[in-house]
Amino acid sequence: MTIYVTMVADRHTDPEPYLFTTAAAAIAYAEAAAAENATDPDDIEEEPVEGWLYYARYSVEGDSVWVLGKEIDAPETSS
């Protein structure tokens, strides 16, 4: 089973994960968090990041949100 993790990394708080059962819900939450936390809506910059479903930086200081999918109970692989 895949869960979708939205991470919010804001310099004023500890990074915090939010878990969702669908990618759409996780991305919607990330977009809302970026919009809510941005000082100016023009500060929001979405960028593609390989392996992630969504990424946006919402401040010039690097505050950001991102979404990735993770398998529950997936065995770890070593490189």
C-alpha atoms as a PDB file:
ATOM      1  CA  MET A   1       0.000   0.000   0.000  1.00  0.00           C
ATOM      2  CA  THR A   2       1.255   3.453  -0.871  1.00  0.00           C
ATOM      3  CA  ILE A   3       0.832   6.443   1.409  1.00  0.00           C
ATOM      4  CA  TYR A   4       1.535   9.990   0.318  1.00  0.00           C
ATOM      5  CA  VAL A   5       3.629  12.192   2.557  1.00  0.00           C
ATOM      6  CA  THR A   6       3.461  15.971   2.471  1.00  0.00           C
ATOM      7  CA  MET A   7       6.415  17.590   4.190  1.00  0.00           C
ATOM      8  CA  VAL A   8       6.288  21.197   5.326  1.00  0.00           C
ATOM      9  CA  ALA A   9       9.725  22.659   6.061  1.00  0.00           C
ATOM     10  CA  ASP A  10       9.394  26.159   7.481  1.00  0.00           C
ATOM     11  CA  ARG A  11      12.304  27.902   9.194  1.00  0.00           C
ATOM     12  CA  HIS A  12      10.005  28.914  12.076  1.00  0.00           C
ATOM     13  CA  THR A  13       8.967  25.348  12.977  1.00  0.00           C
ATOM     14  CA  ASP A  14      10.292  21.799  12.897  1.00  0.00           C
ATOM     15  CA  PRO A  15       9.723  19.982   9.586  1.00  0.00           C
ATOM     16  CA  GLU A  16       6.444  18.116   9.840  1.00  0.00           C
ATOM     17  CA  PRO A  17       5.003  15.234   7.794  1.00  0.00           C
ATOM     18  CA  TYR A  18       1.322  14.919   6.919  1.00  0.00           C
ATOM     19  CA  LEU A  19       0.052  11.552   5.641  1.00  0.00           C
ATOM     20  CA  PHE A  20      -2.625  10.950   3.003  1.00  0.00           C
ATOM     21  CA  THR A  21      -4.150   7.994   1.194  1.00  0.00           C
ATOM     22  CA  THR A  22      -4.200   9.740  -2.204  1.00  0.00           C
ATOM     23  CA  ALA A  23      -1.664  11.766  -4.115  1.00  0.00           C
ATOM     24  CA  ALA A  24      -4.327  14.335  -5.001  1.00  0.00           C
ATOM     25  CA  ALA A  25      -5.127  15.029  -1.338  1.00  0.00           C
ATOM     26  CA  ALA A  26      -1.440  15.295  -0.433  1.00  0.00           C
ATOM     27  CA  ILE A  27      -0.719  17.707  -3.279  1.00  0.00           C
ATOM     28  CA  ALA A  28      -3.792  19.807  -2.474  1.00  0.00           C
ATOM     29  CA  TYR A  29      -2.642  20.091   1.139  1.00  0.00           C
ATOM     30  CA  ALA A  30       0.890  21.075   0.030  1.00  0.00           C
ATOM     31  CA  GLU A  31      -0.463  23.750  -2.290  1.00  0.00           C
ATOM     32  CA  ALA A  32      -2.704  25.111   0.472  1.00  0.00           C
ATOM     33  CA  ALA A  33       0.160  25.108   2.994  1.00  0.00           C
ATOM     34  CA  ALA A  34       2.396  27.013   0.571  1.00  0.00           C
ATOM     35  CA  ALA A  35      -0.355  29.562  -0.108  1.00  0.00           C
ATOM     36  CA  GLU A  36      -1.113  29.981   3.602  1.00  0.00           C
ATOM     37  CA  ASN A  37       2.524  30.366   4.663  1.00  0.00           C
ATOM     38  CA  ALA A  38       3.782  32.550   1.807  1.00  0.00           C
ATOM     39  CA  THR A  39       4.179  36.214   2.654  1.00  0.00           C
ATOM     40  CA  ASP A  40       3.462  37.072  -0.970  1.00  0.00           C
ATOM     41  CA  PRO A  41       1.738  34.700  -3.437  1.00  0.00           C
ATOM     42  CA  ASP A  42       4.406  35.672  -5.992  1.00  0.00           C
ATOM     43  CA  ASP A  43       7.013  34.007  -3.733  1.00  0.00           C
ATOM     44  CA  ILE A  44       5.612  30.528  -4.495  1.00  0.00           C
ATOM     45  CA  GLU A  45       7.820  28.722  -6.997  1.00  0.00           C
ATOM     46  CA  GLU A  46       6.858  25.204  -8.064  1.00  0.00           C
ATOM     47  CA  GLU A  47       9.642  23.076  -9.494  1.00  0.00           C
ATOM     48  CA  PRO A  48       9.875  19.468 -10.652  1.00  0.00           C
ATOM     49  CA  VAL A  49      12.076  17.258  -8.474  1.00  0.00           C
ATOM     50  CA  GLU A  50      12.876  13.752  -9.664  1.00  0.00           C
ATOM     51  CA  GLY A  51      11.096  11.144  -7.546  1.00  0.00           C
ATOM     52  CA  TRP A  52       8.746  13.644  -5.900  1.00  0.00           C
ATOM     53  CA  LEU A  53       5.142  14.290  -6.872  1.00  0.00           C
ATOM     54  CA  TYR A  54       5.186  17.998  -5.995  1.00  0.00           C
ATOM     55  CA  TYR A  55       7.633  20.608  -4.734  1.00  0.00           C
ATOM     56  CA  ALA A  56       7.192  24.308  -4.043  1.00  0.00           C
ATOM     57  CA  ARG A  57       9.342  26.908  -2.326  1.00  0.00           C
ATOM     58  CA  TYR A  58       7.234  29.653  -0.765  1.00  0.00           C
ATOM     59  CA  SER A  59       9.797  32.096   0.588  1.00  0.00           C
ATOM     60  CA  VAL A  60      13.100  33.587  -0.435  1.00  0.00           C
ATOM     61  CA  GLU A  61      14.595  31.961   2.688  1.00  0.00           C
ATOM     62  CA  GLY A  62      13.918  28.469   1.294  1.00  0.00           C
ATOM     63  CA  ASP A  63      10.770  27.467   3.187  1.00  0.00           C
ATOM     64  CA  SER A  64       9.150  24.692   1.179  1.00  0.00           C
ATOM     65  CA  VAL A  65       6.650  21.875   0.848  1.00  0.00           C
ATOM     66  CA  TRP A  66       6.954  18.608  -1.043  1.00  0.00           C
ATOM     67  CA  VAL A  67       5.036  15.396  -1.638  1.00  0.00           C
ATOM     68  CA  LEU A  68       6.312  11.891  -2.170  1.00  0.00           C
ATOM     69  CA  GLY A  69       4.783   8.432  -2.219  1.00  0.00           C
ATOM     70  CA  LYS A  70       6.068   5.730   0.133  1.00  0.00           C
ATOM     71  CA  GLU A  71       5.231   2.054   0.395  1.00  0.00           C
ATOM     72  CA  ILE A  72       4.087   0.929   3.836  1.00  0.00           C
ATOM     73  CA  ASP A  73       6.269  -1.851   5.279  1.00  0.00           C
ATOM     74  CA  ALA A  74       8.502  -1.843   2.205  1.00  0.00           C
ATOM     75  CA  PRO A  75      11.821  -3.503   2.922  1.00  0.00           C
ATOM     76  CA  GLU A  76      14.753  -1.118   2.881  1.00  0.00           C
ATOM     77  CA  THR A  77      17.285  -1.648   0.160  1.00  0.00           C
ATOM     78  CA  SER A  78      20.939  -0.909   0.565  1.00  0.00           C
ATOM     79  CA  SER A  79      23.033   0.623  -2.179  1.00  0.00           C
END
